[in-house]
Amino acid sequence: MESNNPLPGKDLLRMNVESVEKHIITLVLKRTRGNQSEAAKQLGMTERRFTYRVRKYNIDPGQFRQKHD
């Protein structure tokens, strides 16, 4: 019996990879206080690629910036 999906776990794997990637980006943004340039550098990726992923996962870097009273 053939399946339309040649790799049955492919979607599950993709979802898990994306979940881990979003979590790591969030952690690094917290550590850099929302500084995307520094976060990209720490992750070893270009700012452009980092910004793409931030948008893809709908992450607001501003939420990690320090609030001034």
C-alpha atoms as a PDB file:
ATOM      1  CA  MET A   1       0.000   0.000   0.000  1.00  0.00           C
ATOM      2  CA  GLU A   2       1.511   3.320  -1.082  1.00  0.00           C
ATOM      3  CA  SER A   3       1.177   6.567   0.778  1.00  0.00           C
ATOM      4  CA  ASN A   4       0.959  10.072  -0.690  1.00  0.00           C
ATOM      5  CA  ASN A   5       3.588  11.156   1.825  1.00  0.00           C
ATOM      6  CA  PRO A   6       6.885   9.382   1.070  1.00  0.00           C
ATOM      7  CA  LEU A   7       8.223  10.210   4.554  1.00  0.00           C
ATOM      8  CA  PRO A   8       5.422   9.755   7.109  1.00  0.00           C
ATOM      9  CA  GLY A   9       7.323  11.488   9.916  1.00  0.00           C
ATOM     10  CA  LYS A  10       8.443  14.406   7.763  1.00  0.00           C
ATOM     11  CA  ASP A  11       5.748  16.821   8.964  1.00  0.00           C
ATOM     12  CA  LEU A  12       6.257  15.818  12.588  1.00  0.00           C
ATOM     13  CA  LEU A  13      10.007  16.312  12.278  1.00  0.00           C
ATOM     14  CA  ARG A  14       9.574  19.716  10.610  1.00  0.00           C
ATOM     15  CA  MET A  15       7.191  20.857  13.349  1.00  0.00           C
ATOM     16  CA  ASN A  16       9.612  19.771  16.077  1.00  0.00           C
ATOM     17  CA  VAL A  17      12.607  21.414  14.406  1.00  0.00           C
ATOM     18  CA  GLU A  18      10.643  24.658  14.056  1.00  0.00           C
ATOM     19  CA  SER A  19       9.562  24.495  17.697  1.00  0.00           C
ATOM     20  CA  VAL A  20      13.149  24.037  18.889  1.00  0.00           C
ATOM     21  CA  GLU A  21      14.404  26.774  16.543  1.00  0.00           C
ATOM     22  CA  LYS A  22      11.792  29.238  17.844  1.00  0.00           C
ATOM     23  CA  HIS A  23      12.687  28.368  21.438  1.00  0.00           C
ATOM     24  CA  ILE A  24      16.406  28.924  20.837  1.00  0.00           C
ATOM     25  CA  ILE A  25      15.803  32.248  19.072  1.00  0.00           C
ATOM     26  CA  THR A  26      13.638  33.368  21.994  1.00  0.00           C
ATOM     27  CA  LEU A  27      16.300  32.377  24.525  1.00  0.00           C
ATOM     28  CA  VAL A  28      19.030  34.250  22.668  1.00  0.00           C
ATOM     29  CA  LEU A  29      16.834  37.334  22.284  1.00  0.00           C
ATOM     30  CA  LYS A  30      16.250  37.290  26.044  1.00  0.00           C
ATOM     31  CA  ARG A  31      19.990  37.012  26.656  1.00  0.00           C
ATOM     32  CA  THR A  32      20.753  39.883  24.248  1.00  0.00           C
ATOM     33  CA  ARG A  33      17.813  41.973  25.524  1.00  0.00           C
ATOM     34  CA  GLY A  34      16.209  42.034  22.076  1.00  0.00           C
ATOM     35  CA  ASN A  35      19.374  42.975  20.174  1.00  0.00           C
ATOM     36  CA  GLN A  36      18.830  41.150  16.891  1.00  0.00           C
ATOM     37  CA  SER A  37      22.305  41.847  15.506  1.00  0.00           C
ATOM     38  CA  GLU A  38      23.956  40.356  18.568  1.00  0.00           C
ATOM     39  CA  ALA A  39      21.519  37.434  18.646  1.00  0.00           C
ATOM     40  CA  ALA A  40      22.268  36.631  15.004  1.00  0.00           C
ATOM     41  CA  LYS A  41      25.991  36.787  15.720  1.00  0.00           C
ATOM     42  CA  GLN A  42      25.686  34.465  18.718  1.00  0.00           C
ATOM     43  CA  LEU A  43      23.750  31.974  16.607  1.00  0.00           C
ATOM     44  CA  GLY A  44      26.280  32.190  13.768  1.00  0.00           C
ATOM     45  CA  MET A  45      23.823  33.407  11.163  1.00  0.00           C
ATOM     46  CA  THR A  46      23.386  36.527   9.100  1.00  0.00           C
ATOM     47  CA  GLU A  47      21.083  39.289  10.319  1.00  0.00           C
ATOM     48  CA  ARG A  48      18.946  38.776   7.242  1.00  0.00           C
ATOM     49  CA  ARG A  49      18.447  35.077   7.942  1.00  0.00           C
ATOM     50  CA  PHE A  50      17.787  35.806  11.632  1.00  0.00           C
ATOM     51  CA  THR A  51      15.215  38.501  10.804  1.00  0.00           C
ATOM     52  CA  TYR A  52      13.491  36.088   8.409  1.00  0.00           C
ATOM     53  CA  ARG A  53      13.108  33.528  11.182  1.00  0.00           C
ATOM     54  CA  VAL A  54      11.927  36.117  13.717  1.00  0.00           C
ATOM     55  CA  ARG A  55       9.171  37.082  11.283  1.00  0.00           C
ATOM     56  CA  LYS A  56       8.421  33.463  10.362  1.00  0.00           C
ATOM     57  CA  TYR A  57       7.804  32.583  14.009  1.00  0.00           C
ATOM     58  CA  ASN A  58       6.052  35.880  14.756  1.00  0.00           C
ATOM     59  CA  ILE A  59       8.483  36.814  17.544  1.00  0.00           C
ATOM     60  CA  ASP A  60       8.501  40.398  18.831  1.00  0.00           C
ATOM     61  CA  PRO A  61      12.109  41.293  19.764  1.00  0.00           C
ATOM     62  CA  GLY A  62      10.801  44.424  21.496  1.00  0.00           C
ATOM     63  CA  GLN A  63       9.334  42.330  24.282  1.00  0.00           C
ATOM     64  CA  PHE A  64      12.865  41.444  25.380  1.00  0.00           C
ATOM     65  CA  ARG A  65      14.195  44.997  25.549  1.00  0.00           C
ATOM     66  CA  GLN A  66      14.751  46.547  28.949  1.00  0.00           C
ATOM     67  CA  LYS A  67      12.041  48.875  30.141  1.00  0.00           C
ATOM     68  CA  HIS A  68      13.157  52.282  31.381  1.00  0.00           C
ATOM     69  CA  ASP A  69      11.170  53.812  34.255  1.00  0.00           C
END
